[in-house]
Amino acid sequence: MPDIRVITEVAGRVCALPVQTGASIGDGDDIAFVESMKMEIPVASPASGKVKSILVALDDVVAEGQAVAIIET
C-alpha cells in the first residue's frame, strides 16, 4: 500500500494537531490546522488510512506545499 504525503496549501504556524500517529482517519479528516492571516486553515487528509507519521509540531512555521504528515493507505 502506498504512503500519501499530506500537504499544506498555506504558509503559517501550526496551531493544532487533532490526530496522533497511529490514528485511523477518513478521507477529508483534518490532520492539522495552520494559522495564516489570523485564520485557522484546516489541512485535510486526501485519503482514508492510518497516520504513519506527523512531520510537524505545534508552533512550527510551515511553508506552502510542505508535507505535514504521512498517511498509510
PDB file of N, CA and C in Angstrom:
ATOM      1  N   MET A   1       0.833  -1.182   0.000  1.00  0.00           N
ATOM      2  CA  MET A   1       0.000   0.000   0.000  1.00  0.00           C
ATOM      3  C   MET A   1       0.881   1.250   0.000  1.00  0.00           C
ATOM      4  N   PRO A   2       0.537   2.217  -0.826  1.00  0.00           N
ATOM      5  CA  PRO A   2       1.378   3.418  -0.923  1.00  0.00           C
ATOM      6  C   PRO A   2       1.179   4.377   0.250  1.00  0.00           C
ATOM      7  N   ASP A   3       2.226   5.132   0.531  1.00  0.00           N
ATOM      8  CA  ASP A   3       2.134   6.200   1.526  1.00  0.00           C
ATOM      9  C   ASP A   3       1.746   7.486   0.815  1.00  0.00           C
ATOM     10  N   ILE A   4       0.919   8.288   1.467  1.00  0.00           N
ATOM     11  CA  ILE A   4       0.461   9.558   0.894  1.00  0.00           C
ATOM     12  C   ILE A   4       0.937  10.686   1.794  1.00  0.00           C
ATOM     13  N   ARG A   5       1.555  11.685   1.189  1.00  0.00           N
ATOM     14  CA  ARG A   5       2.009  12.862   1.931  1.00  0.00           C
ATOM     15  C   ARG A   5       0.856  13.865   2.011  1.00  0.00           C
ATOM     16  N   VAL A   6       0.571  14.347   3.205  1.00  0.00           N
ATOM     17  CA  VAL A   6      -0.458  15.368   3.410  1.00  0.00           C
ATOM     18  C   VAL A   6       0.240  16.719   3.349  1.00  0.00           C
ATOM     19  N   ILE A   7      -0.186  17.555   2.404  1.00  0.00           N
ATOM     20  CA  ILE A   7       0.477  18.821   2.102  1.00  0.00           C
ATOM     21  C   ILE A   7      -0.392  19.995   2.532  1.00  0.00           C
ATOM     22  N   THR A   8       0.231  21.019   3.120  1.00  0.00           N
ATOM     23  CA  THR A   8      -0.498  22.243   3.443  1.00  0.00           C
ATOM     24  C   THR A   8      -0.516  23.171   2.228  1.00  0.00           C
ATOM     25  N   GLU A   9      -1.628  23.840   2.033  1.00  0.00           N
ATOM     26  CA  GLU A   9      -1.774  24.760   0.901  1.00  0.00           C
ATOM     27  C   GLU A   9      -1.453  26.204   1.271  1.00  0.00           C
ATOM     28  N   VAL A  10      -1.181  26.443   2.566  1.00  0.00           N
ATOM     29  CA  VAL A  10      -0.866  27.807   3.012  1.00  0.00           C
ATOM     30  C   VAL A  10       0.372  27.797   3.894  1.00  0.00           C
ATOM     31  N   ALA A  11       1.046  28.920   3.937  1.00  0.00           N
ATOM     32  CA  ALA A  11       2.164  29.108   4.859  1.00  0.00           C
ATOM     33  C   ALA A  11       1.621  29.682   6.157  1.00  0.00           C
ATOM     34  N   GLY A  12       2.220  29.333   7.262  1.00  0.00           N
ATOM     35  CA  GLY A  12       1.779  29.866   8.546  1.00  0.00           C
ATOM     36  C   GLY A  12       2.357  29.063   9.694  1.00  0.00           C
ATOM     37  N   ARG A  13       1.673  29.149  10.846  1.00  0.00           N
ATOM     38  CA  ARG A  13       2.118  28.486  12.072  1.00  0.00           C
ATOM     39  C   ARG A  13       1.149  27.358  12.418  1.00  0.00           C
ATOM     40  N   VAL A  14       1.667  26.186  12.729  1.00  0.00           N
ATOM     41  CA  VAL A  14       0.827  25.054  13.127  1.00  0.00           C
ATOM     42  C   VAL A  14       0.220  25.384  14.486  1.00  0.00           C
ATOM     43  N   CYS A  15      -1.113  25.482  14.534  1.00  0.00           N
ATOM     44  CA  CYS A  15      -1.769  25.876  15.790  1.00  0.00           C
ATOM     45  C   CYS A  15      -2.542  24.723  16.439  1.00  0.00           C
ATOM     46  N   ALA A  16      -2.741  23.614  15.717  1.00  0.00           N
ATOM     47  CA  ALA A  16      -3.421  22.455  16.302  1.00  0.00           C
ATOM     48  C   ALA A  16      -3.085  21.205  15.508  1.00  0.00           C
ATOM     49  N   LEU A  17      -2.954  20.096  16.236  1.00  0.00           N
ATOM     50  CA  LEU A  17      -2.738  18.776  15.641  1.00  0.00           C
ATOM     51  C   LEU A  17      -3.747  17.823  16.282  1.00  0.00           C
ATOM     52  N   PRO A  18      -4.951  17.715  15.697  1.00  0.00           N
ATOM     53  CA  PRO A  18      -6.014  16.940  16.328  1.00  0.00           C
ATOM     54  C   PRO A  18      -5.865  15.421  16.236  1.00  0.00           C
ATOM     55  N   VAL A  19      -4.870  14.910  15.516  1.00  0.00           N
ATOM     56  CA  VAL A  19      -4.671  13.462  15.423  1.00  0.00           C
ATOM     57  C   VAL A  19      -3.268  13.094  15.895  1.00  0.00           C
ATOM     58  N   GLN A  20      -3.087  11.819  16.211  1.00  0.00           N
ATOM     59  CA  GLN A  20      -1.791  11.325  16.646  1.00  0.00           C
ATOM     60  C   GLN A  20      -1.331  10.217  15.720  1.00  0.00           C
ATOM     61  N   THR A  21      -0.061   9.931  15.752  1.00  0.00           N
ATOM     62  CA  THR A  21       0.494   8.823  14.980  1.00  0.00           C
ATOM     63  C   THR A  21      -0.236   7.534  15.359  1.00  0.00           C
ATOM     64  N   GLY A  22      -0.611   6.767  14.334  1.00  0.00           N
ATOM     65  CA  GLY A  22      -1.316   5.505  14.562  1.00  0.00           C
ATOM     66  C   GLY A  22      -2.822   5.614  14.480  1.00  0.00           C
ATOM     67  N   ALA A  23      -3.352   6.822  14.451  1.00  0.00           N
ATOM     68  CA  ALA A  23      -4.796   7.021  14.405  1.00  0.00           C
ATOM     69  C   ALA A  23      -5.352   6.654  13.025  1.00  0.00           C
ATOM     70  N   SER A  24      -6.546   6.081  13.011  1.00  0.00           N
ATOM     71  CA  SER A  24      -7.245   5.816  11.755  1.00  0.00           C
ATOM     72  C   SER A  24      -8.008   7.080  11.372  1.00  0.00           C
ATOM     73  N   ILE A  25      -7.929   7.438  10.092  1.00  0.00           N
ATOM     74  CA  ILE A  25      -8.603   8.643   9.632  1.00  0.00           C
ATOM     75  C   ILE A  25      -9.358   8.355   8.341  1.00  0.00           C
ATOM     76  N   GLY A  26     -10.321   9.205   8.060  1.00  0.00           N
ATOM     77  CA  GLY A  26     -11.099   9.093   6.833  1.00  0.00           C
ATOM     78  C   GLY A  26     -10.700  10.162   5.829  1.00  0.00           C
ATOM     79  N   ASP A  27     -11.131   9.974   4.621  1.00  0.00           N
ATOM     80  CA  ASP A  27     -10.899  10.952   3.560  1.00  0.00           C
ATOM     81  C   ASP A  27     -11.526  12.285   3.973  1.00  0.00           C
ATOM     82  N   GLY A  28     -10.728  13.342   3.996  1.00  0.00           N
ATOM     83  CA  GLY A  28     -11.218  14.668   4.358  1.00  0.00           C
ATOM     84  C   GLY A  28     -11.107  15.019   5.824  1.00  0.00           C
ATOM     85  N   ASP A  29     -10.676  14.073   6.667  1.00  0.00           N
ATOM     86  CA  ASP A  29     -10.490  14.381   8.093  1.00  0.00           C
ATOM     87  C   ASP A  29      -9.337  15.370   8.256  1.00  0.00           C
ATOM     88  N   ASP A  30      -9.465  16.251   9.237  1.00  0.00           N
ATOM     89  CA  ASP A  30      -8.424  17.252   9.492  1.00  0.00           C
ATOM     90  C   ASP A  30      -7.237  16.627  10.214  1.00  0.00           C
ATOM     91  N   ILE A  31      -6.046  16.888   9.670  1.00  0.00           N
ATOM     92  CA  ILE A  31      -4.795  16.386  10.243  1.00  0.00           C
ATOM     93  C   ILE A  31      -4.136  17.461  11.090  1.00  0.00           C
ATOM     94  N   ALA A  32      -4.231  18.713  10.623  1.00  0.00           N
ATOM     95  CA  ALA A  32      -3.594  19.836  11.306  1.00  0.00           C
ATOM     96  C   ALA A  32      -4.370  21.105  10.983  1.00  0.00           C
ATOM     97  N   PHE A  33      -4.102  22.150  11.760  1.00  0.00           N
ATOM     98  CA  PHE A  33      -4.630  23.476  11.486  1.00  0.00           C
ATOM     99  C   PHE A  33      -3.448  24.433  11.436  1.00  0.00           C
ATOM    100  N   VAL A  34      -3.427  25.264  10.390  1.00  0.00           N
ATOM    101  CA  VAL A  34      -2.356  26.233  10.208  1.00  0.00           C
ATOM    102  C   VAL A  34      -2.947  27.626  10.337  1.00  0.00           C
ATOM    103  N   GLU A  35      -2.378  28.434  11.233  1.00  0.00           N
ATOM    104  CA  GLU A  35      -2.824  29.809  11.407  1.00  0.00           C
ATOM    105  C   GLU A  35      -2.119  30.674  10.365  1.00  0.00           C
ATOM    106  N   SER A  36      -2.937  31.337   9.547  1.00  0.00           N
ATOM    107  CA  SER A  36      -2.416  32.196   8.493  1.00  0.00           C
ATOM    108  C   SER A  36      -3.350  33.387   8.340  1.00  0.00           C
ATOM    109  N   MET A  37      -2.817  34.574   8.385  1.00  0.00           N
ATOM    110  CA  MET A  37      -3.599  35.806   8.248  1.00  0.00           C
ATOM    111  C   MET A  37      -4.785  35.839   9.226  1.00  0.00           C
ATOM    112  N   LYS A  38      -4.503  35.462  10.492  1.00  0.00           N
ATOM    113  CA  LYS A  38      -5.475  35.476  11.589  1.00  0.00           C
ATOM    114  C   LYS A  38      -6.630  34.504  11.384  1.00  0.00           C
ATOM    115  N   MET A  39      -6.444  33.501  10.532  1.00  0.00           N
ATOM    116  CA  MET A  39      -7.452  32.462  10.313  1.00  0.00           C
ATOM    117  C   MET A  39      -6.808  31.101  10.562  1.00  0.00           C
ATOM    118  N   GLU A  40      -7.616  30.140  11.014  1.00  0.00           N
ATOM    119  CA  GLU A  40      -7.140  28.776  11.183  1.00  0.00           C
ATOM    120  C   GLU A  40      -7.587  27.969   9.971  1.00  0.00           C
ATOM    121  N   ILE A  41      -6.622  27.537   9.168  1.00  0.00           N
ATOM    122  CA  ILE A  41      -6.903  26.821   7.934  1.00  0.00           C
ATOM    123  C   ILE A  41      -6.685  25.323   8.185  1.00  0.00           C
ATOM    124  N   PRO A  42      -7.710  24.486   7.940  1.00  0.00           N
ATOM    125  CA  PRO A  42      -7.523  23.046   8.143  1.00  0.00           C
ATOM    126  C   PRO A  42      -6.681  22.429   7.030  1.00  0.00           C
ATOM    127  N   VAL A  43      -5.893  21.435   7.408  1.00  0.00           N
ATOM    128  CA  VAL A  43      -5.144  20.630   6.444  1.00  0.00           C
ATOM    129  C   VAL A  43      -5.777  19.242   6.508  1.00  0.00           C
ATOM    130  N   ALA A  44      -6.485  18.864   5.434  1.00  0.00           N
ATOM    131  CA  ALA A  44      -7.269  17.632   5.432  1.00  0.00           C
ATOM    132  C   ALA A  44      -6.523  16.482   4.764  1.00  0.00           C
ATOM    133  N   SER A  45      -6.853  15.292   5.196  1.00  0.00           N
ATOM    134  CA  SER A  45      -6.287  14.084   4.592  1.00  0.00           C
ATOM    135  C   SER A  45      -6.913  13.856   3.220  1.00  0.00           C
ATOM    136  N   PRO A  46      -6.106  13.553   2.205  1.00  0.00           N
ATOM    137  CA  PRO A  46      -6.640  13.304   0.876  1.00  0.00           C
ATOM    138  C   PRO A  46      -7.162  11.875   0.692  1.00  0.00           C
ATOM    139  N   ALA A  47      -7.003  11.016   1.720  1.00  0.00           N
ATOM    140  CA  ALA A  47      -7.434   9.629   1.605  1.00  0.00           C
ATOM    141  C   ALA A  47      -7.655   9.029   2.996  1.00  0.00           C
ATOM    142  N   SER A  48      -8.375   7.930   3.029  1.00  0.00           N
ATOM    143  CA  SER A  48      -8.548   7.190   4.278  1.00  0.00           C
ATOM    144  C   SER A  48      -7.303   6.365   4.546  1.00  0.00           C
ATOM    145  N   GLY A  49      -7.048   6.108   5.813  1.00  0.00           N
ATOM    146  CA  GLY A  49      -5.899   5.279   6.160  1.00  0.00           C
ATOM    147  C   GLY A  49      -5.513   5.448   7.607  1.00  0.00           C
ATOM    148  N   LYS A  50      -4.233   5.249   7.855  1.00  0.00           N
ATOM    149  CA  LYS A  50      -3.670   5.326   9.200  1.00  0.00           C
ATOM    150  C   LYS A  50      -2.540   6.344   9.182  1.00  0.00           C
ATOM    151  N   VAL A  51      -2.468   7.185  10.215  1.00  0.00           N
ATOM    152  CA  VAL A  51      -1.409   8.196  10.294  1.00  0.00           C
ATOM    153  C   VAL A  51      -0.096   7.476  10.598  1.00  0.00           C
ATOM    154  N   LYS A  52       0.796   7.470   9.616  1.00  0.00           N
ATOM    155  CA  LYS A  52       2.094   6.809   9.772  1.00  0.00           C
ATOM    156  C   LYS A  52       3.054   7.695  10.553  1.00  0.00           C
ATOM    157  N   SER A  53       3.070   8.993  10.228  1.00  0.00           N
ATOM    158  CA  SER A  53       3.922   9.928  10.974  1.00  0.00           C
ATOM    159  C   SER A  53       3.411  11.349  10.798  1.00  0.00           C
ATOM    160  N   ILE A  54       3.674  12.150  11.818  1.00  0.00           N
ATOM    161  CA  ILE A  54       3.366  13.574  11.770  1.00  0.00           C
ATOM    162  C   ILE A  54       4.716  14.286  11.688  1.00  0.00           C
ATOM    163  N   LEU A  55       4.880  15.121  10.675  1.00  0.00           N
ATOM    164  CA  LEU A  55       6.178  15.713  10.366  1.00  0.00           C
ATOM    165  C   LEU A  55       6.383  17.101  10.962  1.00  0.00           C
ATOM    166  N   VAL A  56       5.382  17.621  11.663  1.00  0.00           N
ATOM    167  CA  VAL A  56       5.477  18.957  12.257  1.00  0.00           C
ATOM    168  C   VAL A  56       5.053  18.886  13.723  1.00  0.00           C
ATOM    169  N   ALA A  57       5.327  19.946  14.449  1.00  0.00           N
ATOM    170  CA  ALA A  57       4.928  20.059  15.850  1.00  0.00           C
ATOM    171  C   ALA A  57       4.156  21.360  16.032  1.00  0.00           C
ATOM    172  N   LEU A  58       3.453  21.463  17.153  1.00  0.00           N
ATOM    173  CA  LEU A  58       2.743  22.715  17.457  1.00  0.00           C
ATOM    174  C   LEU A  58       3.716  23.879  17.428  1.00  0.00           C
ATOM    175  N   ASP A  59       3.270  24.992  16.880  1.00  0.00           N
ATOM    176  CA  ASP A  59       4.025  26.245  16.772  1.00  0.00           C
ATOM    177  C   ASP A  59       5.119  26.228  15.711  1.00  0.00           C
ATOM    178  N   ASP A  60       5.277  25.113  14.972  1.00  0.00           N
ATOM    179  CA  ASP A  60       6.211  25.114  13.842  1.00  0.00           C
ATOM    180  C   ASP A  60       5.694  26.051  12.759  1.00  0.00           C
ATOM    181  N   VAL A  61       6.602  26.704  12.068  1.00  0.00           N
ATOM    182  CA  VAL A  61       6.245  27.528  10.916  1.00  0.00           C
ATOM    183  C   VAL A  61       6.409  26.653   9.676  1.00  0.00           C
ATOM    184  N   VAL A  62       5.345  26.597   8.861  1.00  0.00           N
ATOM    185  CA  VAL A  62       5.368  25.762   7.660  1.00  0.00           C
ATOM    186  C   VAL A  62       5.245  26.629   6.416  1.00  0.00           C
ATOM    187  N   ALA A  63       5.788  26.115   5.327  1.00  0.00           N
ATOM    188  CA  ALA A  63       5.720  26.800   4.038  1.00  0.00           C
ATOM    189  C   ALA A  63       4.595  26.204   3.202  1.00  0.00           C
ATOM    190  N   GLU A  64       4.095  26.973   2.268  1.00  0.00           N
ATOM    191  CA  GLU A  64       3.096  26.464   1.334  1.00  0.00           C
ATOM    192  C   GLU A  64       3.687  25.277   0.586  1.00  0.00           C
ATOM    193  N   GLY A  65       2.937  24.178   0.522  1.00  0.00           N
ATOM    194  CA  GLY A  65       3.404  22.997  -0.170  1.00  0.00           C
ATOM    195  C   GLY A  65       4.217  22.036   0.681  1.00  0.00           C
ATOM    196  N   GLN A  66       4.393  22.349   1.960  1.00  0.00           N
ATOM    197  CA  GLN A  66       5.170  21.493   2.859  1.00  0.00           C
ATOM    198  C   GLN A  66       4.329  20.314   3.339  1.00  0.00           C
ATOM    199  N   ALA A  67       4.946  19.148   3.440  1.00  0.00           N
ATOM    200  CA  ALA A  67       4.267  17.960   3.978  1.00  0.00           C
ATOM    201  C   ALA A  67       4.152  18.097   5.489  1.00  0.00           C
ATOM    202  N   VAL A  68       2.968  17.809   6.030  1.00  0.00           N
ATOM    203  CA  VAL A  68       2.775  17.873   7.479  1.00  0.00           C
ATOM    204  C   VAL A  68       2.587  16.479   8.095  1.00  0.00           C
ATOM    205  N   ALA A  69       2.229  15.496   7.262  1.00  0.00           N
ATOM    206  CA  ALA A  69       2.024  14.140   7.762  1.00  0.00           C
ATOM    207  C   ALA A  69       2.128  13.149   6.617  1.00  0.00           C
ATOM    208  N   ILE A  70       2.271  11.875   6.992  1.00  0.00           N
ATOM    209  CA  ILE A  70       2.268  10.787   6.014  1.00  0.00           C
ATOM    210  C   ILE A  70       1.172   9.806   6.417  1.00  0.00           C
ATOM    211  N   ILE A  71       0.331   9.464   5.440  1.00  0.00           N
ATOM    212  CA  ILE A  71      -0.789   8.553   5.651  1.00  0.00           C
ATOM    213  C   ILE A  71      -0.466   7.229   4.966  1.00  0.00           C
ATOM    214  N   GLU A  72      -0.713   6.138   5.675  1.00  0.00           N
ATOM    215  CA  GLU A  72      -0.536   4.794   5.124  1.00  0.00           C
ATOM    216  C   GLU A  72      -1.922   4.303   4.700  1.00  0.00           C
ATOM    217  N   THR A  73      -2.092   4.014   3.415  1.00  0.00           N
ATOM    218  CA  THR A  73      -3.414   3.584   2.933  1.00  0.00           C
ATOM    219  C   THR A  73      -3.519   2.083   2.856  1.00  0.00           C
TER     220      THR A  73
END
